Amino acid sequence: MSATRTGTYRSLFELDAAGYQAHAVHGSGRTYMETNCYTDIIIELLHGRGDEPLAVLGCLVRTDFEGDQWTFFKPPPEDLESLFGIDIHEMQPYRPLPLQIAEQIDSGRTIIVELDSWYLPDTAATSYRTEHVKSSVVAEAIDLERGWLRYFHGAGLYELDGEDYTGIFRLAGEPSPEILPPYTELVRFDAGPRLRGSELRAAAGSSLRRHLAHRPASDPFERFAQALARDLPVLLEAGPEAYHAYAFATVRMVGAAFELAATQAEWLLGAEATACAMPMRTIVEGCKVLGFRLARRREFDPGPIVESLSDAWRQAIAALEEVVG
């Protein structure tokens, strides 16, 4: 892959942020237009490159309740490599990040880096200049002389410059020794074949089959019901910040996972997907309702809602086993 080079400007795909069309899973008609910061940027990185990110989402059938939260799902590195020839691995940020980003893009690679949303203008409705929250972005283009960055974040492609550029890379004054370097990953596009068409669909089916064999050993919603019964009284006494943190780690995470899983099944299986996609969408709607009930912070019985989620999960898994297992 060759990058665009003009002076100190480097671009991986030469995209236009103003006219960029996000992938359909980030469309306005979705229940969860954004999923989690890492999966969203991988989806848009693949989409921006011209690949179909739905192929790499077979891992979602492994979504499980982890005791106090649902799986923070990410496309597995081995699937990215086998489907798209993309290798992602940790790198050492030992030099100024703008220099490292420019050098990697110049070599046809890029960097995923955790940055402070305080300086990300696309988070204007949430944390921009109001809250310090780490969030992963993928660098798509940079201009060292201008002090400008184009990046994938959340559900789209954005740009920043000026004080945001200076702040995001901590270029003003001497770096504080109390601030640790951000977690950074290198993205290479030369790790193997880049599958397309029927070849990609077949490989995605094999990946889904492999992940299905490692699905939760027991009904995760039954375990979630027990934890929610324990946590609900505490949540009702806590403030809205506690609710938002809990909801993101639980009902929003699992709802987003199964909304993506339903879309992937429809892309991969066509008409055969109906039997599994419908109960997956029941999970999505149930999680949405449960999130609303939790947001009211009034006592209620979550049992019937979670029981319906449990039934839908068993139906979805059984249908998937019949079609692909």
C-alpha atoms as a PDB file:
ATOM      1  CA  MET A   1       0.000   0.000   0.000  1.00  0.00           C
ATOM      2  CA  SER A   2       1.421   3.381  -0.983  1.00  0.00           C
ATOM      3  CA  ALA A   3       0.710   6.585   0.894  1.00  0.00           C
ATOM      4  CA  THR A   4       0.102  10.076  -0.492  1.00  0.00           C
ATOM      5  CA  ARG A   5       3.062  12.391   0.202  1.00  0.00           C
ATOM      6  CA  THR A   6       3.143  16.154  -0.285  1.00  0.00           C
ATOM      7  CA  GLY A   7       5.713  18.082   1.759  1.00  0.00           C
ATOM      8  CA  THR A   8       5.012  17.112   5.375  1.00  0.00           C
ATOM      9  CA  TYR A   9       1.530  15.815   4.504  1.00  0.00           C
ATOM     10  CA  ARG A  10       0.982  12.048   4.616  1.00  0.00           C
ATOM     11  CA  SER A  11      -2.292  10.219   3.922  1.00  0.00           C
ATOM     12  CA  LEU A  12      -3.063   6.498   3.982  1.00  0.00           C
ATOM     13  CA  PHE A  13      -6.223   6.408   1.830  1.00  0.00           C
ATOM     14  CA  GLU A  14      -6.577  10.070   0.758  1.00  0.00           C
ATOM     15  CA  LEU A  15     -10.129  10.316   2.092  1.00  0.00           C
ATOM     16  CA  ASP A  16     -12.304  13.411   2.459  1.00  0.00           C
ATOM     17  CA  ALA A  17     -13.602  13.832   5.993  1.00  0.00           C
ATOM     18  CA  ALA A  18     -16.359  16.243   4.944  1.00  0.00           C
ATOM     19  CA  GLY A  19     -17.794  13.839   2.383  1.00  0.00           C
ATOM     20  CA  TYR A  20     -16.987  10.576   4.130  1.00  0.00           C
ATOM     21  CA  GLN A  21     -19.848   8.063   4.283  1.00  0.00           C
ATOM     22  CA  ALA A  22     -19.574   5.783   7.306  1.00  0.00           C
ATOM     23  CA  HIS A  23     -20.386   2.082   7.075  1.00  0.00           C
ATOM     24  CA  ALA A  24     -24.074   1.199   7.306  1.00  0.00           C
ATOM     25  CA  VAL A  25     -23.672  -0.229  10.824  1.00  0.00           C
ATOM     26  CA  HIS A  26     -22.950   3.344  11.918  1.00  0.00           C
ATOM     27  CA  GLY A  27     -26.068   4.723  10.234  1.00  0.00           C
ATOM     28  CA  SER A  28     -28.678   6.829  11.994  1.00  0.00           C
ATOM     29  CA  GLY A  29     -31.269   4.054  11.890  1.00  0.00           C
ATOM     30  CA  ARG A  30     -29.325   1.822  14.262  1.00  0.00           C
ATOM     31  CA  THR A  31     -30.318   1.297  17.884  1.00  0.00           C
ATOM     32  CA  TYR A  32     -26.652   1.512  18.861  1.00  0.00           C
ATOM     33  CA  MET A  33     -25.032   3.710  16.228  1.00  0.00           C
ATOM     34  CA  GLU A  34     -21.732   3.422  18.104  1.00  0.00           C
ATOM     35  CA  THR A  35     -20.570   0.222  19.778  1.00  0.00           C
ATOM     36  CA  ASN A  36     -17.236   0.592  21.551  1.00  0.00           C
ATOM     37  CA  CYS A  37     -14.300   2.808  20.646  1.00  0.00           C
ATOM     38  CA  TYR A  38     -12.049   0.006  19.378  1.00  0.00           C
ATOM     39  CA  THR A  39     -14.521  -1.983  17.295  1.00  0.00           C
ATOM     40  CA  ASP A  40     -15.921   1.194  15.738  1.00  0.00           C
ATOM     41  CA  ILE A  41     -12.532   2.342  14.464  1.00  0.00           C
ATOM     42  CA  ILE A  42     -11.688  -1.099  13.066  1.00  0.00           C
ATOM     43  CA  ILE A  43     -15.006  -1.126  11.208  1.00  0.00           C
ATOM     44  CA  GLU A  44     -14.343   2.296   9.688  1.00  0.00           C
ATOM     45  CA  LEU A  45     -10.685   1.531   8.955  1.00  0.00           C
ATOM     46  CA  LEU A  46     -11.729  -1.532   6.953  1.00  0.00           C
ATOM     47  CA  HIS A  47     -14.584   0.369   5.307  1.00  0.00           C
ATOM     48  CA  GLY A  48     -12.312   3.280   4.420  1.00  0.00           C
ATOM     49  CA  ARG A  49      -9.861   0.828   2.866  1.00  0.00           C
ATOM     50  CA  GLY A  50     -12.630  -0.694   0.738  1.00  0.00           C
ATOM     51  CA  ASP A  51     -13.159  -3.933   2.703  1.00  0.00           C
ATOM     52  CA  GLU A  52     -16.349  -5.391   4.197  1.00  0.00           C
ATOM     53  CA  PRO A  53     -15.969  -5.216   8.000  1.00  0.00           C
ATOM     54  CA  LEU A  54     -18.998  -7.452   8.622  1.00  0.00           C
ATOM     55  CA  ALA A  55     -16.818 -10.407   7.653  1.00  0.00           C
ATOM     56  CA  VAL A  56     -14.693 -10.055  10.776  1.00  0.00           C
ATOM     57  CA  LEU A  57     -17.535  -9.978  13.316  1.00  0.00           C
ATOM     58  CA  GLY A  58     -18.088 -13.716  13.814  1.00  0.00           C
ATOM     59  CA  CYS A  59     -16.485 -13.339  17.244  1.00  0.00           C
ATOM     60  CA  LEU A  60     -19.666 -11.704  18.533  1.00  0.00           C
ATOM     61  CA  VAL A  61     -21.326 -15.080  19.135  1.00  0.00           C
ATOM     62  CA  ARG A  62     -18.801 -15.498  21.974  1.00  0.00           C
ATOM     63  CA  THR A  63     -20.204 -12.477  23.822  1.00  0.00           C
ATOM     64  CA  ASP A  64     -20.507 -13.486  27.464  1.00  0.00           C
ATOM     65  CA  PHE A  65     -21.367 -12.053  30.849  1.00  0.00           C
ATOM     66  CA  GLU A  66     -18.037 -11.686  32.670  1.00  0.00           C
ATOM     67  CA  GLY A  67     -19.357 -11.416  36.233  1.00  0.00           C
ATOM     68  CA  ASP A  68     -19.814  -7.650  36.413  1.00  0.00           C
ATOM     69  CA  GLN A  69     -19.861  -6.677  32.725  1.00  0.00           C
ATOM     70  CA  TRP A  70     -20.425  -8.055  29.238  1.00  0.00           C
ATOM     71  CA  THR A  71     -17.541  -8.839  26.906  1.00  0.00           C
ATOM     72  CA  PHE A  72     -15.795  -5.760  25.526  1.00  0.00           C
ATOM     73  CA  PHE A  73     -15.752  -7.228  22.036  1.00  0.00           C
ATOM     74  CA  LYS A  74     -13.009  -6.590  19.480  1.00  0.00           C
ATOM     75  CA  PRO A  75     -12.346  -8.125  16.049  1.00  0.00           C
ATOM     76  CA  PRO A  76      -9.663 -10.740  16.820  1.00  0.00           C
ATOM     77  CA  PRO A  77      -6.199 -10.107  15.332  1.00  0.00           C
ATOM     78  CA  GLU A  78      -6.119 -13.592  13.805  1.00  0.00           C
ATOM     79  CA  ASP A  79      -9.352 -12.932  11.903  1.00  0.00           C
ATOM     80  CA  LEU A  80      -8.122  -9.580  10.611  1.00  0.00           C
ATOM     81  CA  GLU A  81      -4.990 -11.303   9.376  1.00  0.00           C
ATOM     82  CA  SER A  82      -6.673 -14.311   7.738  1.00  0.00           C
ATOM     83  CA  LEU A  83      -9.474 -12.297   6.098  1.00  0.00           C
ATOM     84  CA  PHE A  84      -7.747  -9.054   5.147  1.00  0.00           C
ATOM     85  CA  GLY A  85      -4.008  -9.557   5.559  1.00  0.00           C
ATOM     86  CA  ILE A  86      -3.957  -6.978   8.371  1.00  0.00           C
ATOM     87  CA  ASP A  87      -1.637  -7.405  11.339  1.00  0.00           C
ATOM     88  CA  ILE A  88      -2.185  -5.307  14.481  1.00  0.00           C
ATOM     89  CA  HIS A  89       0.314  -5.468  17.298  1.00  0.00           C
ATOM     90  CA  GLU A  90       1.567  -3.263  20.110  1.00  0.00           C
ATOM     91  CA  MET A  91       4.323  -0.782  19.345  1.00  0.00           C
ATOM     92  CA  GLN A  92       6.622   1.357  21.476  1.00  0.00           C
ATOM     93  CA  PRO A  93       5.828   5.109  21.460  1.00  0.00           C
ATOM     94  CA  TYR A  94       9.364   6.233  22.296  1.00  0.00           C
ATOM     95  CA  ARG A  95       9.388   9.281  19.989  1.00  0.00           C
ATOM     96  CA  PRO A  96       6.935  12.169  19.540  1.00  0.00           C
ATOM     97  CA  LEU A  97       3.742  10.585  18.270  1.00  0.00           C
ATOM     98  CA  PRO A  98       3.267  12.916  15.268  1.00  0.00           C
ATOM     99  CA  LEU A  99       6.653  11.828  13.930  1.00  0.00           C
ATOM    100  CA  GLN A 100       5.854   8.161  14.402  1.00  0.00           C
ATOM    101  CA  ILE A 101       2.453   8.532  12.766  1.00  0.00           C
ATOM    102  CA  ALA A 102       3.947  10.322   9.755  1.00  0.00           C
ATOM    103  CA  GLU A 103       6.668   7.718   9.345  1.00  0.00           C
ATOM    104  CA  GLN A 104       4.274   4.776   9.545  1.00  0.00           C
ATOM    105  CA  ILE A 105       1.792   6.285   7.089  1.00  0.00           C
ATOM    106  CA  ASP A 106       4.700   7.077   4.779  1.00  0.00           C
ATOM    107  CA  SER A 107       5.473   3.322   4.832  1.00  0.00           C
ATOM    108  CA  GLY A 108       1.884   2.335   4.032  1.00  0.00           C
ATOM    109  CA  ARG A 109       1.005   1.509   7.636  1.00  0.00           C
ATOM    110  CA  THR A 110      -0.792   3.374  10.389  1.00  0.00           C
ATOM    111  CA  ILE A 111      -1.166   3.635  14.148  1.00  0.00           C
ATOM    112  CA  ILE A 112      -3.993   3.026  16.605  1.00  0.00           C
ATOM    113  CA  VAL A 113      -3.496   5.163  19.685  1.00  0.00           C
ATOM    114  CA  GLU A 114      -5.429   5.957  22.844  1.00  0.00           C
ATOM    115  CA  LEU A 115      -5.911   9.720  23.079  1.00  0.00           C
ATOM    116  CA  ASP A 116      -7.723  12.111  25.405  1.00  0.00           C
ATOM    117  CA  SER A 117     -11.243  12.909  24.220  1.00  0.00           C
ATOM    118  CA  TRP A 118     -10.856  16.340  25.825  1.00  0.00           C
ATOM    119  CA  TYR A 119      -9.100  17.337  22.583  1.00  0.00           C
ATOM    120  CA  LEU A 120     -11.235  15.361  20.088  1.00  0.00           C
ATOM    121  CA  PRO A 121     -13.697  17.840  18.532  1.00  0.00           C
ATOM    122  CA  ASP A 122     -15.983  15.069  17.270  1.00  0.00           C
ATOM    123  CA  THR A 123     -16.916  14.396  20.924  1.00  0.00           C
ATOM    124  CA  ALA A 124     -18.448  17.866  21.295  1.00  0.00           C
ATOM    125  CA  ALA A 125     -21.710  16.360  22.551  1.00  0.00           C
ATOM    126  CA  THR A 126     -19.982  14.377  25.302  1.00  0.00           C
ATOM    127  CA  SER A 127     -16.415  14.894  26.540  1.00  0.00           C
ATOM    128  CA  TYR A 128     -14.781  17.554  24.314  1.00  0.00           C
ATOM    129  CA  ARG A 129     -13.250  20.179  26.620  1.00  0.00           C
ATOM    130  CA  THR A 130     -15.390  18.882  29.505  1.00  0.00           C
ATOM    131  CA  GLU A 131     -13.982  15.491  30.535  1.00  0.00           C
ATOM    132  CA  HIS A 132     -10.706  13.587  30.254  1.00  0.00           C
ATOM    133  CA  VAL A 133     -11.619  10.208  28.758  1.00  0.00           C
ATOM    134  CA  LYS A 134      -9.274   7.915  26.868  1.00  0.00           C
ATOM    135  CA  SER A 135     -10.479   6.749  23.469  1.00  0.00           C
ATOM    136  CA  SER A 136      -8.838   4.892  20.595  1.00  0.00           C
ATOM    137  CA  VAL A 137      -8.395   6.519  17.183  1.00  0.00           C
ATOM    138  CA  VAL A 138      -6.760   5.445  13.920  1.00  0.00           C
ATOM    139  CA  ALA A 139      -4.588   7.978  12.141  1.00  0.00           C
ATOM    140  CA  GLU A 140      -5.540   8.323   8.452  1.00  0.00           C
ATOM    141  CA  ALA A 141      -3.511  11.449   7.564  1.00  0.00           C
ATOM    142  CA  ILE A 142      -1.189  13.945   9.221  1.00  0.00           C
ATOM    143  CA  ASP A 143       0.569  17.172   8.293  1.00  0.00           C
ATOM    144  CA  LEU A 144       3.492  17.894  10.612  1.00  0.00           C
ATOM    145  CA  GLU A 145       4.127  21.441   9.448  1.00  0.00           C
ATOM    146  CA  ARG A 146       0.498  22.500   9.601  1.00  0.00           C
ATOM    147  CA  GLY A 147      -0.194  20.660  12.867  1.00  0.00           C
ATOM    148  CA  TRP A 148      -3.210  18.765  11.541  1.00  0.00           C
ATOM    149  CA  LEU A 149      -4.581  15.228  11.912  1.00  0.00           C
ATOM    150  CA  ARG A 150      -7.320  13.261  10.123  1.00  0.00           C
ATOM    151  CA  TYR A 151      -8.492  10.229  12.077  1.00  0.00           C
ATOM    152  CA  PHE A 152     -11.090   7.497  12.392  1.00  0.00           C
ATOM    153  CA  HIS A 153     -12.982   7.710  15.656  1.00  0.00           C
ATOM    154  CA  GLY A 154     -16.371   6.427  16.724  1.00  0.00           C
ATOM    155  CA  ALA A 155     -18.692   6.286  13.747  1.00  0.00           C
ATOM    156  CA  GLY A 156     -16.765   8.408  11.278  1.00  0.00           C
ATOM    157  CA  LEU A 157     -13.738  10.262   9.955  1.00  0.00           C
ATOM    158  CA  TYR A 158     -12.732  13.601  11.461  1.00  0.00           C
ATOM    159  CA  GLU A 159     -10.022  16.270  11.510  1.00  0.00           C
ATOM    160  CA  LEU A 160      -8.368  18.373  14.195  1.00  0.00           C
ATOM    161  CA  ASP A 161      -5.701  21.092  14.303  1.00  0.00           C
ATOM    162  CA  GLY A 162      -4.554  24.106  16.323  1.00  0.00           C
ATOM    163  CA  GLU A 163      -4.900  23.820  20.089  1.00  0.00           C
ATOM    164  CA  ASP A 164      -6.492  20.394  19.742  1.00  0.00           C
ATOM    165  CA  TYR A 165      -3.452  19.095  17.844  1.00  0.00           C
ATOM    166  CA  THR A 166      -1.080  20.602  20.401  1.00  0.00           C
ATOM    167  CA  GLY A 167      -3.118  19.210  23.285  1.00  0.00           C
ATOM    168  CA  ILE A 168      -3.791  15.748  21.909  1.00  0.00           C
ATOM    169  CA  PHE A 169      -0.069  15.118  21.405  1.00  0.00           C
ATOM    170  CA  ARG A 170       1.014  17.097  24.514  1.00  0.00           C
ATOM    171  CA  LEU A 171       3.346  19.339  22.518  1.00  0.00           C
ATOM    172  CA  ALA A 172       3.107  22.397  24.790  1.00  0.00           C
ATOM    173  CA  GLY A 173       6.017  22.582  27.225  1.00  0.00           C
ATOM    174  CA  GLU A 174       7.894  19.688  28.753  1.00  0.00           C
ATOM    175  CA  PRO A 175       5.920  16.427  28.983  1.00  0.00           C
ATOM    176  CA  SER A 176       4.871  15.658  32.541  1.00  0.00           C
ATOM    177  CA  PRO A 177       6.583  12.529  33.932  1.00  0.00           C
ATOM    178  CA  GLU A 178       3.311  11.734  35.694  1.00  0.00           C
ATOM    179  CA  ILE A 179       1.548  11.145  32.359  1.00  0.00           C
ATOM    180  CA  LEU A 180       2.397   7.744  30.940  1.00  0.00           C
ATOM    181  CA  PRO A 181       2.780   7.209  27.181  1.00  0.00           C
ATOM    182  CA  PRO A 182      -0.481   6.109  25.517  1.00  0.00           C
ATOM    183  CA  TYR A 183      -1.133   2.525  24.504  1.00  0.00           C
ATOM    184  CA  THR A 184      -0.233   2.366  20.825  1.00  0.00           C
ATOM    185  CA  GLU A 185      -0.617  -0.304  18.138  1.00  0.00           C
ATOM    186  CA  LEU A 186       0.908  -0.623  14.702  1.00  0.00           C
ATOM    187  CA  VAL A 187      -1.384  -1.582  11.809  1.00  0.00           C
ATOM    188  CA  ARG A 188       0.274  -3.370   8.886  1.00  0.00           C
ATOM    189  CA  PHE A 189      -1.527  -4.249   5.659  1.00  0.00           C
ATOM    190  CA  ASP A 190       1.006  -6.754   4.302  1.00  0.00           C
ATOM    191  CA  ALA A 191       0.366  -9.784   6.528  1.00  0.00           C
ATOM    192  CA  GLY A 192      -1.318 -11.978   3.915  1.00  0.00           C
ATOM    193  CA  PRO A 193      -3.961 -12.163   1.186  1.00  0.00           C
ATOM    194  CA  ARG A 194      -6.810  -9.655   1.122  1.00  0.00           C
ATOM    195  CA  LEU A 195      -9.931 -11.744   0.492  1.00  0.00           C
ATOM    196  CA  ARG A 196     -12.903 -10.465  -1.495  1.00  0.00           C
ATOM    197  CA  GLY A 197     -16.260 -11.622  -2.854  1.00  0.00           C
ATOM    198  CA  SER A 198     -17.195 -15.289  -2.457  1.00  0.00           C
ATOM    199  CA  GLU A 199     -13.765 -16.121  -1.073  1.00  0.00           C
ATOM    200  CA  LEU A 200     -14.237 -13.617   1.744  1.00  0.00           C
ATOM    201  CA  ARG A 201     -17.753 -14.848   2.476  1.00  0.00           C
ATOM    202  CA  ALA A 202     -16.598 -18.462   2.683  1.00  0.00           C
ATOM    203  CA  ALA A 203     -13.745 -17.580   5.016  1.00  0.00           C
ATOM    204  CA  ALA A 204     -16.088 -15.482   7.172  1.00  0.00           C
ATOM    205  CA  GLY A 205     -18.418 -18.478   7.431  1.00  0.00           C
ATOM    206  CA  SER A 206     -15.554 -20.663   8.623  1.00  0.00           C
ATOM    207  CA  SER A 207     -14.606 -18.005  11.181  1.00  0.00           C
ATOM    208  CA  LEU A 208     -18.176 -17.800  12.476  1.00  0.00           C
ATOM    209  CA  ARG A 209     -18.318 -21.599  12.780  1.00  0.00           C
ATOM    210  CA  ARG A 210     -15.078 -21.619  14.781  1.00  0.00           C
ATOM    211  CA  HIS A 211     -16.287 -18.885  17.142  1.00  0.00           C
ATOM    212  CA  LEU A 212     -19.661 -20.586  17.585  1.00  0.00           C
ATOM    213  CA  ALA A 213     -17.833 -23.639  18.928  1.00  0.00           C
ATOM    214  CA  HIS A 214     -16.482 -21.365  21.692  1.00  0.00           C
ATOM    215  CA  ARG A 215     -19.762 -19.696  22.626  1.00  0.00           C
ATOM    216  CA  PRO A 216     -20.616 -19.357  26.342  1.00  0.00           C
ATOM    217  CA  ALA A 217     -20.959 -22.756  27.994  1.00  0.00           C
ATOM    218  CA  SER A 218     -24.075 -21.640  29.867  1.00  0.00           C
ATOM    219  CA  ASP A 219     -26.785 -19.059  29.305  1.00  0.00           C
ATOM    220  CA  PRO A 220     -25.071 -15.702  30.029  1.00  0.00           C
ATOM    221  CA  PHE A 221     -28.374 -13.908  30.592  1.00  0.00           C
ATOM    222  CA  GLU A 222     -29.212 -16.202  33.502  1.00  0.00           C
ATOM    223  CA  ARG A 223     -25.947 -15.162  35.144  1.00  0.00           C
ATOM    224  CA  PHE A 224     -26.622 -11.528  34.271  1.00  0.00           C
ATOM    225  CA  ALA A 225     -30.035 -11.748  35.945  1.00  0.00           C
ATOM    226  CA  GLN A 226     -28.415 -12.825  39.210  1.00  0.00           C
ATOM    227  CA  ALA A 227     -25.856 -10.010  39.059  1.00  0.00           C
ATOM    228  CA  LEU A 228     -28.475  -7.388  38.159  1.00  0.00           C
ATOM    229  CA  ALA A 229     -30.638  -8.417  41.131  1.00  0.00           C
ATOM    230  CA  ARG A 230     -27.574  -7.829  43.307  1.00  0.00           C
ATOM    231  CA  ASP A 231     -26.534  -4.551  41.661  1.00  0.00           C
ATOM    232  CA  LEU A 232     -29.914  -2.861  41.222  1.00  0.00           C
ATOM    233  CA  PRO A 233     -30.380  -1.603  44.798  1.00  0.00           C
ATOM    234  CA  VAL A 234     -26.881  -0.071  44.719  1.00  0.00           C
ATOM    235  CA  LEU A 235     -27.561   1.581  41.341  1.00  0.00           C
ATOM    236  CA  LEU A 236     -30.811   3.087  42.597  1.00  0.00           C
ATOM    237  CA  GLU A 237     -28.940   4.753  45.455  1.00  0.00           C
ATOM    238  CA  ALA A 238     -26.012   5.952  43.313  1.00  0.00           C
ATOM    239  CA  GLY A 239     -25.839   9.002  41.063  1.00  0.00           C
ATOM    240  CA  PRO A 240     -26.294   9.207  37.274  1.00  0.00           C
ATOM    241  CA  GLU A 241     -22.555   8.730  36.673  1.00  0.00           C
ATOM    242  CA  ALA A 242     -22.743   5.251  38.181  1.00  0.00           C
ATOM    243  CA  TYR A 243     -25.726   4.418  35.994  1.00  0.00           C
ATOM    244  CA  HIS A 244     -23.970   5.520  32.796  1.00  0.00           C
ATOM    245  CA  ALA A 245     -20.866   3.487  33.620  1.00  0.00           C
ATOM    246  CA  TYR A 246     -22.948   0.423  34.489  1.00  0.00           C
ATOM    247  CA  ALA A 247     -25.194   0.708  31.446  1.00  0.00           C
ATOM    248  CA  PHE A 248     -22.253   1.025  29.046  1.00  0.00           C
ATOM    249  CA  ALA A 249     -20.538  -2.055  30.474  1.00  0.00           C
ATOM    250  CA  THR A 250     -23.720  -4.146  30.547  1.00  0.00           C
ATOM    251  CA  VAL A 251     -26.921  -3.592  28.581  1.00  0.00           C
ATOM    252  CA  ARG A 252     -25.417  -1.246  26.002  1.00  0.00           C
ATOM    253  CA  MET A 253     -22.422  -3.497  25.362  1.00  0.00           C
ATOM    254  CA  VAL A 254     -24.441  -6.667  24.856  1.00  0.00           C
ATOM    255  CA  GLY A 255     -27.137  -4.848  22.882  1.00  0.00           C
ATOM    256  CA  ALA A 256     -24.556  -3.394  20.499  1.00  0.00           C
ATOM    257  CA  ALA A 257     -22.890  -6.805  20.147  1.00  0.00           C
ATOM    258  CA  PHE A 258     -26.056  -8.569  19.056  1.00  0.00           C
ATOM    259  CA  GLU A 259     -27.145  -5.758  16.756  1.00  0.00           C
ATOM    260  CA  LEU A 260     -23.849  -6.198  14.902  1.00  0.00           C
ATOM    261  CA  ALA A 261     -24.182  -9.990  15.075  1.00  0.00           C
ATOM    262  CA  ALA A 262     -27.634  -9.856  13.473  1.00  0.00           C
ATOM    263  CA  THR A 263     -26.343  -7.650  10.652  1.00  0.00           C
ATOM    264  CA  GLN A 264     -23.389  -9.953  10.076  1.00  0.00           C
ATOM    265  CA  ALA A 265     -25.656 -13.009   9.953  1.00  0.00           C
ATOM    266  CA  GLU A 266     -27.874 -11.327   7.351  1.00  0.00           C
ATOM    267  CA  TRP A 267     -24.854 -10.403   5.225  1.00  0.00           C
ATOM    268  CA  LEU A 268     -23.331 -13.857   5.501  1.00  0.00           C
ATOM    269  CA  LEU A 269     -26.347 -16.170   5.433  1.00  0.00           C
ATOM    270  CA  GLY A 270     -28.946 -14.285   3.401  1.00  0.00           C
ATOM    271  CA  ALA A 271     -32.464 -15.719   3.754  1.00  0.00           C
ATOM    272  CA  GLU A 272     -31.191 -18.413   6.113  1.00  0.00           C
ATOM    273  CA  ALA A 273     -30.318 -15.743   8.665  1.00  0.00           C
ATOM    274  CA  THR A 274     -33.917 -14.992   9.638  1.00  0.00           C
ATOM    275  CA  ALA A 275     -34.155 -17.668  12.334  1.00  0.00           C
ATOM    276  CA  CYS A 276     -31.103 -16.351  14.191  1.00  0.00           C
ATOM    277  CA  ALA A 277     -31.255 -12.639  13.320  1.00  0.00           C
ATOM    278  CA  MET A 278     -34.801 -12.179  14.646  1.00  0.00           C
ATOM    279  CA  PRO A 279     -34.019 -13.342  18.214  1.00  0.00           C
ATOM    280  CA  MET A 280     -30.788 -11.336  18.095  1.00  0.00           C
ATOM    281  CA  ARG A 281     -32.842  -8.240  17.362  1.00  0.00           C
ATOM    282  CA  THR A 282     -35.136  -9.207  20.237  1.00  0.00           C
ATOM    283  CA  ILE A 283     -32.043  -9.012  22.446  1.00  0.00           C
ATOM    284  CA  VAL A 284     -31.274  -5.558  21.052  1.00  0.00           C
ATOM    285  CA  GLU A 285     -34.767  -4.259  21.803  1.00  0.00           C
ATOM    286  CA  GLY A 286     -34.802  -5.851  25.241  1.00  0.00           C
ATOM    287  CA  CYS A 287     -31.478  -4.242  26.121  1.00  0.00           C
ATOM    288  CA  LYS A 288     -32.807  -0.887  24.944  1.00  0.00           C
ATOM    289  CA  VAL A 289     -35.880  -1.229  27.176  1.00  0.00           C
ATOM    290  CA  LEU A 290     -33.779  -2.376  30.118  1.00  0.00           C
ATOM    291  CA  GLY A 291     -31.451   0.583  29.630  1.00  0.00           C
ATOM    292  CA  PHE A 292     -34.401   2.981  29.738  1.00  0.00           C
ATOM    293  CA  ARG A 293     -35.767   1.367  32.898  1.00  0.00           C
ATOM    294  CA  LEU A 294     -32.368   1.607  34.593  1.00  0.00           C
ATOM    295  CA  ALA A 295     -32.024   5.253  33.535  1.00  0.00           C
ATOM    296  CA  ARG A 296     -35.209   6.141  35.418  1.00  0.00           C
ATOM    297  CA  ARG A 297     -33.477   4.965  38.617  1.00  0.00           C
ATOM    298  CA  ARG A 298     -36.715   3.747  40.139  1.00  0.00           C
ATOM    299  CA  GLU A 299     -37.341   0.332  41.614  1.00  0.00           C
ATOM    300  CA  PHE A 300     -38.652  -2.241  39.113  1.00  0.00           C
ATOM    301  CA  ASP A 301     -38.559  -5.984  38.485  1.00  0.00           C
ATOM    302  CA  PRO A 302     -36.059  -6.709  35.679  1.00  0.00           C
ATOM    303  CA  GLY A 303     -36.844 -10.446  35.791  1.00  0.00           C
ATOM    304  CA  PRO A 304     -39.364 -10.644  32.900  1.00  0.00           C
ATOM    305  CA  ILE A 305     -37.157  -8.540  30.589  1.00  0.00           C
ATOM    306  CA  VAL A 306     -34.011 -10.556  31.263  1.00  0.00           C
ATOM    307  CA  GLU A 307     -35.942 -13.811  30.940  1.00  0.00           C
ATOM    308  CA  SER A 308     -37.033 -12.759  27.438  1.00  0.00           C
ATOM    309  CA  LEU A 309     -33.391 -11.951  26.620  1.00  0.00           C
ATOM    310  CA  SER A 310     -32.397 -15.398  27.829  1.00  0.00           C
ATOM    311  CA  ASP A 311     -35.006 -17.075  25.638  1.00  0.00           C
ATOM    312  CA  ALA A 312     -33.897 -15.048  22.624  1.00  0.00           C
ATOM    313  CA  TRP A 313     -30.221 -15.947  23.183  1.00  0.00           C
ATOM    314  CA  ARG A 314     -30.987 -19.670  23.261  1.00  0.00           C
ATOM    315  CA  GLN A 315     -33.074 -19.368  20.088  1.00  0.00           C
ATOM    316  CA  ALA A 316     -30.348 -17.432  18.270  1.00  0.00           C
ATOM    317  CA  ILE A 317     -27.606 -19.898  19.204  1.00  0.00           C
ATOM    318  CA  ALA A 318     -29.749 -22.908  18.281  1.00  0.00           C
ATOM    319  CA  ALA A 319     -30.590 -21.377  14.896  1.00  0.00           C
ATOM    320  CA  LEU A 320     -26.945 -20.577  14.185  1.00  0.00           C
ATOM    321  CA  GLU A 321     -25.923 -24.112  15.083  1.00  0.00           C
ATOM    322  CA  GLU A 322     -28.475 -25.476  12.634  1.00  0.00           C
ATOM    323  CA  VAL A 323     -27.321 -23.261   9.782  1.00  0.00           C
ATOM    324  CA  VAL A 324     -23.541 -23.084  10.243  1.00  0.00           C
ATOM    325  CA  GLY A 325     -22.638 -25.466  13.082  1.00  0.00           C
END
